[in-house]
Amino acid sequence: MKKTDLEKNKGLKINGQMKRAGIPGRFGSASDAIPDRREQRKLDQAAGLVPFAVKLNGDLVKELHALAQSREVGINELVAELLKKGL
């Protein structure tokens, strides 16, 4: 066999493996699980949520993340709760 024939057979083998592999989850039915940014924004607006950007000290952010993990709640819920207590 010539070298070109060997390379051609290698390419055919790789193509066959790719066809048998199937579709990765991120492109199949699992891709519907996470809404894109536009859809998420509409869902947030329907829930009455408003984006509110704040610049905080890095140490304070680490404390907030640690507290959210220990309470097993999201960072948004934790910050909303702390702001309500502060007001």
N, C-alpha and C. Protein backbone atom coordinates (compact mmCIF):
# COMPACT_ATOMS: atom_id res chain seq x y z
N MET A 1 0.84 -1.19 0.00
CA MET A 1 0.00 0.00 0.00
C MET A 1 0.87 1.25 0.00
N LYS A 2 0.41 2.23 -0.69
CA LYS A 2 1.13 3.50 -0.74
C LYS A 2 0.82 4.31 0.51
N LYS A 3 1.68 5.26 0.77
CA LYS A 3 1.48 6.13 1.93
C LYS A 3 0.19 6.93 1.81
N THR A 4 -0.15 7.37 0.61
CA THR A 4 -1.39 8.13 0.43
C THR A 4 -2.62 7.28 0.73
N ASP A 5 -2.56 5.99 0.38
CA ASP A 5 -3.67 5.09 0.69
C ASP A 5 -3.83 4.91 2.19
N LEU A 6 -2.71 4.80 2.89
CA LEU A 6 -2.75 4.67 4.35
C LEU A 6 -3.38 5.90 4.99
N GLU A 7 -2.99 7.07 4.52
CA GLU A 7 -3.54 8.32 5.07
C GLU A 7 -5.03 8.45 4.76
N LYS A 8 -5.41 8.01 3.56
CA LYS A 8 -6.82 8.05 3.17
C LYS A 8 -7.63 7.13 4.08
N ASN A 9 -7.12 5.93 4.33
CA ASN A 9 -7.81 4.99 5.22
C ASN A 9 -7.90 5.53 6.64
N LYS A 10 -6.85 6.21 7.10
CA LYS A 10 -6.88 6.82 8.43
C LYS A 10 -7.98 7.87 8.53
N GLY A 11 -8.09 8.67 7.46
CA GLY A 11 -9.13 9.70 7.42
C GLY A 11 -10.52 9.10 7.43
N LEU A 12 -10.72 8.02 6.67
CA LEU A 12 -12.01 7.34 6.64
C LEU A 12 -12.35 6.75 8.01
N LYS A 13 -11.35 6.21 8.68
CA LYS A 13 -11.55 5.64 10.01
C LYS A 13 -11.96 6.72 11.00
N ILE A 14 -11.31 7.87 10.95
CA ILE A 14 -11.64 8.98 11.84
C ILE A 14 -13.05 9.49 11.56
N ASN A 15 -13.42 9.62 10.29
CA ASN A 15 -14.77 10.07 9.94
C ASN A 15 -15.82 9.10 10.46
N GLY A 16 -15.55 7.81 10.35
CA GLY A 16 -16.47 6.81 10.85
C GLY A 16 -16.64 6.90 12.36
N GLN A 17 -15.55 7.13 13.08
CA GLN A 17 -15.62 7.28 14.53
C GLN A 17 -16.42 8.51 14.93
N MET A 18 -16.25 9.58 14.17
CA MET A 18 -16.98 10.82 14.47
C MET A 18 -18.48 10.63 14.25
N LYS A 19 -18.86 9.88 13.22
CA LYS A 19 -20.27 9.66 12.94
C LYS A 19 -20.92 8.78 14.00
N ARG A 20 -20.18 7.83 14.55
CA ARG A 20 -20.71 6.93 15.57
C ARG A 20 -20.76 7.57 16.95
N ALA A 21 -20.02 8.64 17.17
CA ALA A 21 -19.90 9.25 18.50
C ALA A 21 -21.21 9.85 18.99
N GLY A 22 -22.04 10.35 18.13
CA GLY A 22 -23.29 10.96 18.56
C GLY A 22 -23.14 12.45 18.77
N ILE A 23 -24.23 13.07 19.19
CA ILE A 23 -24.25 14.52 19.37
C ILE A 23 -23.97 14.84 20.83
N PRO A 24 -23.02 15.73 21.11
CA PRO A 24 -22.76 16.11 22.50
C PRO A 24 -23.99 16.76 23.13
N GLY A 25 -24.10 16.66 24.44
CA GLY A 25 -25.26 17.17 25.16
C GLY A 25 -25.48 18.66 25.00
N ARG A 26 -24.41 19.42 24.83
CA ARG A 26 -24.58 20.87 24.74
C ARG A 26 -25.27 21.30 23.45
N PHE A 27 -25.34 20.38 22.45
CA PHE A 27 -26.00 20.69 21.19
C PHE A 27 -27.32 19.96 21.05
N GLY A 28 -27.57 18.97 21.88
CA GLY A 28 -28.78 18.16 21.77
C GLY A 28 -29.91 18.74 22.59
N SER A 29 -30.65 17.86 23.22
CA SER A 29 -31.82 18.27 24.00
C SER A 29 -31.43 19.05 25.25
N ALA A 30 -30.21 18.85 25.75
CA ALA A 30 -29.77 19.55 26.96
C ALA A 30 -29.52 21.04 26.71
N SER A 31 -29.43 21.44 25.45
CA SER A 31 -29.16 22.84 25.16
C SER A 31 -30.35 23.74 25.53
N ASP A 32 -31.55 23.15 25.66
CA ASP A 32 -32.73 23.92 26.02
C ASP A 32 -32.80 24.21 27.51
N ALA A 33 -31.98 23.56 28.31
CA ALA A 33 -32.07 23.67 29.76
C ALA A 33 -31.74 25.08 30.25
N ILE A 34 -30.77 25.73 29.65
CA ILE A 34 -30.33 27.05 30.10
C ILE A 34 -30.82 28.10 29.11
N PRO A 35 -31.63 29.06 29.56
CA PRO A 35 -32.09 30.10 28.63
C PRO A 35 -30.95 31.06 28.30
N ASP A 36 -31.01 31.63 27.10
CA ASP A 36 -29.98 32.58 26.74
C ASP A 36 -30.23 33.90 27.48
N ARG A 37 -29.34 34.85 27.29
CA ARG A 37 -29.41 36.09 28.07
C ARG A 37 -30.71 36.85 27.85
N ARG A 38 -31.15 36.91 26.60
CA ARG A 38 -32.37 37.65 26.29
C ARG A 38 -33.58 37.03 27.00
N GLU A 39 -33.68 35.69 26.93
CA GLU A 39 -34.79 35.01 27.60
C GLU A 39 -34.71 35.17 29.11
N GLN A 40 -33.47 35.07 29.65
CA GLN A 40 -33.30 35.22 31.10
C GLN A 40 -33.70 36.63 31.54
N ARG A 41 -33.37 37.65 30.73
CA ARG A 41 -33.74 39.02 31.05
C ARG A 41 -35.25 39.18 31.10
N LYS A 42 -35.95 38.55 30.13
CA LYS A 42 -37.42 38.62 30.11
C LYS A 42 -38.01 37.92 31.32
N LEU A 43 -37.44 36.77 31.71
CA LEU A 43 -37.92 36.07 32.90
C LEU A 43 -37.71 36.90 34.16
N ASP A 44 -36.55 37.56 34.25
CA ASP A 44 -36.26 38.41 35.40
C ASP A 44 -37.21 39.60 35.46
N GLN A 45 -37.49 40.21 34.32
CA GLN A 45 -38.40 41.35 34.29
C GLN A 45 -39.81 40.93 34.69
N ALA A 46 -40.23 39.75 34.26
CA ALA A 46 -41.55 39.26 34.62
C ALA A 46 -41.65 39.00 36.12
N ALA A 47 -40.53 38.64 36.74
CA ALA A 47 -40.50 38.39 38.18
C ALA A 47 -40.33 39.69 38.97
N GLY A 48 -40.18 40.82 38.27
CA GLY A 48 -40.02 42.10 38.95
C GLY A 48 -38.60 42.40 39.38
N LEU A 49 -37.62 41.67 38.84
CA LEU A 49 -36.23 41.88 39.21
C LEU A 49 -35.60 42.97 38.33
N VAL A 50 -34.74 43.77 38.94
CA VAL A 50 -34.07 44.86 38.24
C VAL A 50 -32.56 44.69 38.45
N PRO A 51 -31.75 44.76 37.39
CA PRO A 51 -30.30 44.65 37.58
C PRO A 51 -29.78 45.85 38.37
N PHE A 52 -28.87 45.57 39.32
CA PHE A 52 -28.35 46.60 40.20
C PHE A 52 -26.87 46.34 40.41
N ALA A 53 -26.02 47.06 39.69
CA ALA A 53 -24.58 46.84 39.75
C ALA A 53 -23.97 47.66 40.88
N VAL A 54 -23.10 47.03 41.65
CA VAL A 54 -22.43 47.68 42.78
C VAL A 54 -20.98 47.25 42.79
N LYS A 55 -20.08 48.15 43.13
CA LYS A 55 -18.68 47.80 43.28
C LYS A 55 -18.39 47.62 44.76
N LEU A 56 -17.90 46.43 45.12
CA LEU A 56 -17.63 46.10 46.51
C LEU A 56 -16.18 45.67 46.67
N ASN A 57 -15.71 45.76 47.91
CA ASN A 57 -14.37 45.31 48.26
C ASN A 57 -14.28 43.80 48.04
N GLY A 58 -13.14 43.33 47.56
CA GLY A 58 -12.96 41.91 47.26
C GLY A 58 -13.15 41.01 48.47
N ASP A 59 -12.69 41.46 49.65
CA ASP A 59 -12.85 40.66 50.85
C ASP A 59 -14.32 40.51 51.23
N LEU A 60 -15.08 41.57 51.05
CA LEU A 60 -16.51 41.53 51.35
C LEU A 60 -17.23 40.57 50.41
N VAL A 61 -16.84 40.56 49.15
CA VAL A 61 -17.44 39.65 48.18
C VAL A 61 -17.15 38.20 48.56
N LYS A 62 -15.91 37.93 49.00
CA LYS A 62 -15.57 36.57 49.42
C LYS A 62 -16.41 36.15 50.62
N GLU A 63 -16.62 37.08 51.56
CA GLU A 63 -17.46 36.78 52.72
C GLU A 63 -18.90 36.49 52.29
N LEU A 64 -19.40 37.27 51.34
CA LEU A 64 -20.76 37.05 50.86
C LEU A 64 -20.90 35.68 50.20
N HIS A 65 -19.92 35.30 49.38
CA HIS A 65 -19.97 34.00 48.72
C HIS A 65 -19.90 32.87 49.75
N ALA A 66 -19.04 33.03 50.76
CA ALA A 66 -18.93 32.00 51.80
C ALA A 66 -20.23 31.87 52.57
N LEU A 67 -20.85 33.01 52.90
CA LEU A 67 -22.11 32.99 53.64
C LEU A 67 -23.23 32.36 52.80
N ALA A 68 -23.24 32.67 51.52
CA ALA A 68 -24.25 32.10 50.62
C ALA A 68 -24.07 30.58 50.52
N GLN A 69 -22.83 30.12 50.47
CA GLN A 69 -22.58 28.68 50.40
C GLN A 69 -22.98 27.99 51.70
N SER A 70 -22.69 28.62 52.84
CA SER A 70 -23.02 27.99 54.11
C SER A 70 -24.54 27.91 54.32
N ARG A 71 -25.27 28.90 53.83
CA ARG A 71 -26.74 28.90 53.94
C ARG A 71 -27.41 28.15 52.80
N GLU A 72 -26.62 27.79 51.80
CA GLU A 72 -27.11 27.08 50.62
C GLU A 72 -28.20 27.87 49.90
N VAL A 73 -27.95 29.16 49.70
CA VAL A 73 -28.84 30.02 48.93
C VAL A 73 -28.00 30.71 47.86
N GLY A 74 -28.66 31.31 46.90
CA GLY A 74 -27.96 32.04 45.86
C GLY A 74 -27.47 33.38 46.37
N ILE A 75 -26.50 33.93 45.68
CA ILE A 75 -25.93 35.21 46.10
C ILE A 75 -26.96 36.33 45.99
N ASN A 76 -27.85 36.25 44.99
CA ASN A 76 -28.87 37.28 44.83
C ASN A 76 -29.84 37.30 46.01
N GLU A 77 -30.27 36.11 46.44
CA GLU A 77 -31.20 36.03 47.57
C GLU A 77 -30.54 36.52 48.85
N LEU A 78 -29.27 36.17 49.04
CA LEU A 78 -28.55 36.59 50.24
C LEU A 78 -28.40 38.10 50.30
N VAL A 79 -28.00 38.71 49.19
CA VAL A 79 -27.81 40.17 49.17
C VAL A 79 -29.15 40.87 49.38
N ALA A 80 -30.23 40.36 48.77
CA ALA A 80 -31.55 40.95 48.96
C ALA A 80 -31.96 40.88 50.43
N GLU A 81 -31.70 39.75 51.07
CA GLU A 81 -32.04 39.58 52.49
C GLU A 81 -31.25 40.54 53.37
N LEU A 82 -29.95 40.66 53.10
CA LEU A 82 -29.10 41.55 53.90
C LEU A 82 -29.49 43.01 53.70
N LEU A 83 -29.85 43.38 52.47
CA LEU A 83 -30.26 44.76 52.23
C LEU A 83 -31.58 45.08 52.94
N LYS A 84 -32.50 44.12 52.96
CA LYS A 84 -33.77 44.34 53.67
C LYS A 84 -33.53 44.52 55.16
N LYS A 85 -32.62 43.72 55.72
CA LYS A 85 -32.30 43.85 57.15
C LYS A 85 -31.65 45.20 57.43
N GLY A 86 -30.83 45.66 56.51
CA GLY A 86 -30.12 46.92 56.70
C GLY A 86 -31.03 48.13 56.59
N LEU A 87 -32.09 48.02 55.85
CA LEU A 87 -33.02 49.13 55.68
C LEU A 87 -34.04 49.08 56.78
